[in-house]
N, C-alpha and C. Protein backbone atom coordinates (compact mmCIF):
# COMPACT_ATOMS: atom_id res chain seq x y z
N MET A 1 6.58 -10.00 -25.84
CA MET A 1 5.73 -8.98 -26.41
C MET A 1 6.12 -7.62 -25.79
N THR A 2 6.26 -6.62 -26.62
CA THR A 2 6.65 -5.30 -26.13
C THR A 2 5.45 -4.60 -25.48
N VAL A 3 5.72 -3.52 -24.78
CA VAL A 3 4.65 -2.75 -24.16
C VAL A 3 3.70 -2.21 -25.23
N LYS A 4 4.25 -1.71 -26.32
CA LYS A 4 3.41 -1.19 -27.39
C LYS A 4 2.53 -2.29 -27.98
N GLU A 5 3.08 -3.47 -28.15
CA GLU A 5 2.29 -4.58 -28.68
C GLU A 5 1.16 -4.95 -27.72
N ARG A 6 1.45 -4.96 -26.42
CA ARG A 6 0.41 -5.26 -25.44
C ARG A 6 -0.68 -4.19 -25.45
N LEU A 7 -0.28 -2.92 -25.57
CA LEU A 7 -1.26 -1.84 -25.65
C LEU A 7 -2.14 -2.00 -26.89
N HIS A 8 -1.53 -2.28 -28.03
CA HIS A 8 -2.31 -2.48 -29.25
C HIS A 8 -3.29 -3.63 -29.09
N GLN A 9 -2.84 -4.70 -28.48
CA GLN A 9 -3.70 -5.87 -28.28
C GLN A 9 -4.90 -5.50 -27.39
N LEU A 10 -4.63 -4.78 -26.30
CA LEU A 10 -5.72 -4.38 -25.40
C LEU A 10 -6.71 -3.46 -26.10
N VAL A 11 -6.20 -2.50 -26.85
CA VAL A 11 -7.08 -1.58 -27.56
C VAL A 11 -7.91 -2.34 -28.59
N ASP A 12 -7.30 -3.27 -29.29
CA ASP A 12 -8.02 -4.06 -30.29
C ASP A 12 -9.14 -4.89 -29.67
N GLU A 13 -8.99 -5.28 -28.41
CA GLU A 13 -9.99 -6.11 -27.76
C GLU A 13 -11.18 -5.31 -27.23
N LEU A 14 -11.02 -3.98 -27.11
CA LEU A 14 -12.09 -3.15 -26.57
C LEU A 14 -13.11 -2.80 -27.65
N PRO A 15 -14.40 -2.71 -27.25
CA PRO A 15 -15.39 -2.17 -28.20
C PRO A 15 -15.02 -0.73 -28.54
N GLU A 16 -15.43 -0.24 -29.71
CA GLU A 16 -15.01 1.07 -30.20
C GLU A 16 -15.23 2.19 -29.20
N GLY A 17 -16.40 2.30 -28.61
CA GLY A 17 -16.68 3.37 -27.66
C GLY A 17 -15.77 3.32 -26.44
N ARG A 18 -15.57 2.13 -25.91
CA ARG A 18 -14.69 1.99 -24.74
C ARG A 18 -13.25 2.27 -25.10
N ALA A 19 -12.85 1.90 -26.29
CA ALA A 19 -11.47 2.17 -26.73
C ALA A 19 -11.23 3.67 -26.82
N THR A 20 -12.21 4.39 -27.32
CA THR A 20 -12.08 5.85 -27.42
C THR A 20 -11.97 6.47 -26.04
N GLN A 21 -12.84 6.06 -25.12
CA GLN A 21 -12.80 6.60 -23.76
C GLN A 21 -11.45 6.29 -23.09
N ALA A 22 -11.01 5.05 -23.22
CA ALA A 22 -9.76 4.65 -22.59
C ALA A 22 -8.58 5.42 -23.19
N ALA A 23 -8.60 5.61 -24.49
CA ALA A 23 -7.52 6.33 -25.16
C ALA A 23 -7.49 7.79 -24.72
N GLU A 24 -8.66 8.41 -24.60
CA GLU A 24 -8.70 9.81 -24.17
C GLU A 24 -8.18 9.96 -22.75
N ARG A 25 -8.55 9.04 -21.86
CA ARG A 25 -8.05 9.09 -20.48
C ARG A 25 -6.54 8.86 -20.44
N ALA A 26 -6.07 7.90 -21.22
CA ALA A 26 -4.64 7.60 -21.23
C ALA A 26 -3.85 8.79 -21.79
N LEU A 27 -4.35 9.40 -22.84
CA LEU A 27 -3.66 10.56 -23.41
C LEU A 27 -3.61 11.71 -22.41
N SER A 28 -4.71 11.93 -21.71
CA SER A 28 -4.73 12.99 -20.70
C SER A 28 -3.71 12.72 -19.60
N HIS A 29 -3.66 11.47 -19.15
CA HIS A 29 -2.73 11.09 -18.10
C HIS A 29 -1.28 11.25 -18.58
N LEU A 30 -1.00 10.79 -19.77
CA LEU A 30 0.36 10.91 -20.31
C LEU A 30 0.75 12.37 -20.50
N ARG A 31 -0.21 13.21 -20.94
CA ARG A 31 0.06 14.63 -21.11
C ARG A 31 0.41 15.27 -19.76
N GLN A 32 -0.36 14.90 -18.72
CA GLN A 32 -0.07 15.42 -17.38
C GLN A 32 1.32 15.02 -16.93
N MET A 33 1.66 13.75 -17.16
CA MET A 33 2.98 13.27 -16.75
C MET A 33 4.08 14.02 -17.47
N ALA A 34 3.86 14.34 -18.74
CA ALA A 34 4.89 15.02 -19.54
C ALA A 34 5.02 16.49 -19.16
N GLU A 35 3.91 17.11 -18.75
CA GLU A 35 3.92 18.55 -18.51
C GLU A 35 4.13 18.94 -17.06
N ASP A 36 3.91 18.06 -16.12
CA ASP A 36 4.01 18.40 -14.70
C ASP A 36 5.41 18.11 -14.20
N PRO A 37 6.21 19.14 -13.88
CA PRO A 37 7.59 18.90 -13.46
C PRO A 37 7.68 18.15 -12.13
N VAL A 38 6.72 18.38 -11.24
CA VAL A 38 6.75 17.67 -9.96
C VAL A 38 6.47 16.19 -10.18
N LEU A 39 5.43 15.90 -10.95
CA LEU A 39 5.11 14.51 -11.25
C LEU A 39 6.27 13.83 -11.98
N HIS A 40 6.87 14.54 -12.91
CA HIS A 40 8.03 14.00 -13.64
C HIS A 40 9.16 13.65 -12.67
N THR A 41 9.42 14.56 -11.72
CA THR A 41 10.48 14.32 -10.73
C THR A 41 10.14 13.11 -9.86
N LEU A 42 8.89 13.03 -9.41
CA LEU A 42 8.48 11.90 -8.57
C LEU A 42 8.57 10.58 -9.32
N MET A 43 8.16 10.59 -10.59
CA MET A 43 8.18 9.36 -11.38
C MET A 43 9.63 8.87 -11.61
N ASN A 44 10.58 9.82 -11.60
CA ASN A 44 11.97 9.46 -11.87
C ASN A 44 12.83 9.41 -10.62
N ALA A 45 12.21 9.60 -9.46
CA ALA A 45 12.97 9.57 -8.20
C ALA A 45 13.38 8.14 -7.88
N PRO A 46 14.55 7.98 -7.30
CA PRO A 46 14.97 6.62 -6.91
C PRO A 46 14.11 6.10 -5.76
N LEU A 47 14.00 4.81 -5.67
CA LEU A 47 13.29 4.20 -4.56
C LEU A 47 14.03 4.47 -3.26
N ASP A 48 13.28 4.57 -2.18
CA ASP A 48 13.89 4.74 -0.87
C ASP A 48 14.52 3.40 -0.49
N ASP A 49 15.82 3.35 -0.46
CA ASP A 49 16.48 2.08 -0.17
C ASP A 49 17.12 2.05 1.21
N GLU A 50 16.77 3.06 2.05
CA GLU A 50 17.32 3.05 3.40
C GLU A 50 16.57 2.01 4.22
N PRO A 51 17.29 1.22 5.00
CA PRO A 51 16.62 0.21 5.82
C PRO A 51 15.78 0.87 6.92
N ASP A 52 14.69 0.20 7.30
CA ASP A 52 13.87 0.69 8.40
C ASP A 52 14.65 0.60 9.70
N THR A 53 14.46 1.61 10.54
CA THR A 53 15.09 1.58 11.86
C THR A 53 14.13 0.91 12.84
N GLU A 54 14.60 0.66 14.03
CA GLU A 54 13.74 0.09 15.07
C GLU A 54 12.61 1.07 15.39
N ASP A 55 12.91 2.36 15.41
CA ASP A 55 11.88 3.38 15.63
C ASP A 55 10.82 3.35 14.53
N ASP A 56 11.26 3.18 13.28
CA ASP A 56 10.32 3.08 12.16
C ASP A 56 9.38 1.90 12.37
N ARG A 57 9.96 0.74 12.67
CA ARG A 57 9.16 -0.48 12.85
C ARG A 57 8.18 -0.32 14.02
N ALA A 58 8.62 0.34 15.10
CA ALA A 58 7.74 0.55 16.26
C ALA A 58 6.59 1.49 15.88
N ALA A 59 6.87 2.55 15.14
CA ALA A 59 5.83 3.48 14.72
C ALA A 59 4.83 2.81 13.79
N ILE A 60 5.30 1.98 12.89
CA ILE A 60 4.41 1.25 11.99
C ILE A 60 3.52 0.30 12.78
N ALA A 61 4.11 -0.43 13.71
CA ALA A 61 3.34 -1.37 14.54
C ALA A 61 2.28 -0.62 15.35
N GLU A 62 2.65 0.53 15.90
CA GLU A 62 1.70 1.33 16.68
C GLU A 62 0.54 1.80 15.80
N GLY A 63 0.85 2.26 14.61
CA GLY A 63 -0.19 2.71 13.69
C GLY A 63 -1.12 1.59 13.28
N LEU A 64 -0.57 0.42 13.00
CA LEU A 64 -1.39 -0.73 12.61
C LEU A 64 -2.28 -1.18 13.77
N ALA A 65 -1.75 -1.14 15.00
CA ALA A 65 -2.54 -1.52 16.17
C ALA A 65 -3.69 -0.53 16.36
N ASP A 66 -3.42 0.78 16.19
CA ASP A 66 -4.48 1.78 16.29
C ASP A 66 -5.55 1.54 15.24
N LEU A 67 -5.13 1.25 14.04
CA LEU A 67 -6.06 0.99 12.95
C LEU A 67 -6.93 -0.23 13.25
N GLU A 68 -6.33 -1.24 13.80
CA GLU A 68 -7.04 -2.49 14.10
C GLU A 68 -8.17 -2.28 15.11
N VAL A 69 -7.96 -1.40 16.09
CA VAL A 69 -8.99 -1.17 17.12
C VAL A 69 -9.86 0.04 16.78
N GLY A 70 -9.63 0.65 15.63
CA GLY A 70 -10.46 1.78 15.22
C GLY A 70 -10.08 3.10 15.83
N ASP A 71 -8.90 3.20 16.41
CA ASP A 71 -8.44 4.46 17.00
C ASP A 71 -7.82 5.31 15.89
N VAL A 72 -8.72 5.86 15.06
CA VAL A 72 -8.28 6.63 13.90
C VAL A 72 -9.09 7.92 13.81
N VAL A 73 -8.65 8.83 12.98
CA VAL A 73 -9.33 10.10 12.73
C VAL A 73 -9.68 10.13 11.25
N SER A 74 -10.93 10.46 10.93
CA SER A 74 -11.33 10.54 9.52
C SER A 74 -10.70 11.75 8.86
N ASP A 75 -10.67 11.75 7.54
CA ASP A 75 -10.14 12.89 6.80
C ASP A 75 -10.91 14.16 7.15
N ASP A 76 -12.25 14.04 7.19
CA ASP A 76 -13.07 15.22 7.51
C ASP A 76 -12.78 15.75 8.91
N GLU A 77 -12.63 14.84 9.87
CA GLU A 77 -12.33 15.26 11.25
C GLU A 77 -10.97 15.95 11.32
N LEU A 78 -10.00 15.40 10.62
CA LEU A 78 -8.67 16.01 10.60
C LEU A 78 -8.72 17.41 10.00
N ARG A 79 -9.47 17.56 8.90
CA ARG A 79 -9.59 18.87 8.27
C ARG A 79 -10.20 19.88 9.25
N ARG A 80 -11.24 19.45 9.99
CA ARG A 80 -11.84 20.35 10.98
C ARG A 80 -10.84 20.72 12.06
N GLU A 81 -10.07 19.74 12.52
CA GLU A 81 -9.09 19.99 13.58
C GLU A 81 -8.01 20.98 13.17
N ILE A 82 -7.62 20.93 11.90
CA ILE A 82 -6.54 21.83 11.47
C ILE A 82 -7.08 23.08 10.75
N GLY A 83 -8.40 23.19 10.71
CA GLY A 83 -9.01 24.41 10.17
C GLY A 83 -9.09 24.51 8.67
N LEU A 84 -9.20 23.40 7.99
CA LEU A 84 -9.34 23.43 6.52
C LEU A 84 -10.79 23.26 6.11
């Protein structure tokens, strides 16, 4: 089944009001994707295929350990710290 066929099937399964809402949101999202050059570039950027280094793995492990014990800063606290 093609993507278009799956979309048609999903739309057909929705009640009329929900189908309209979903279609309007999808159209808005697609319009943004088509008109935003940054989003377009990001959507078409290649995946990062560089292997993780030992430093990368250590930093990830440190961050996960901090998260596990609650040694984190909230978004609001960070904004206050940097003056936003």
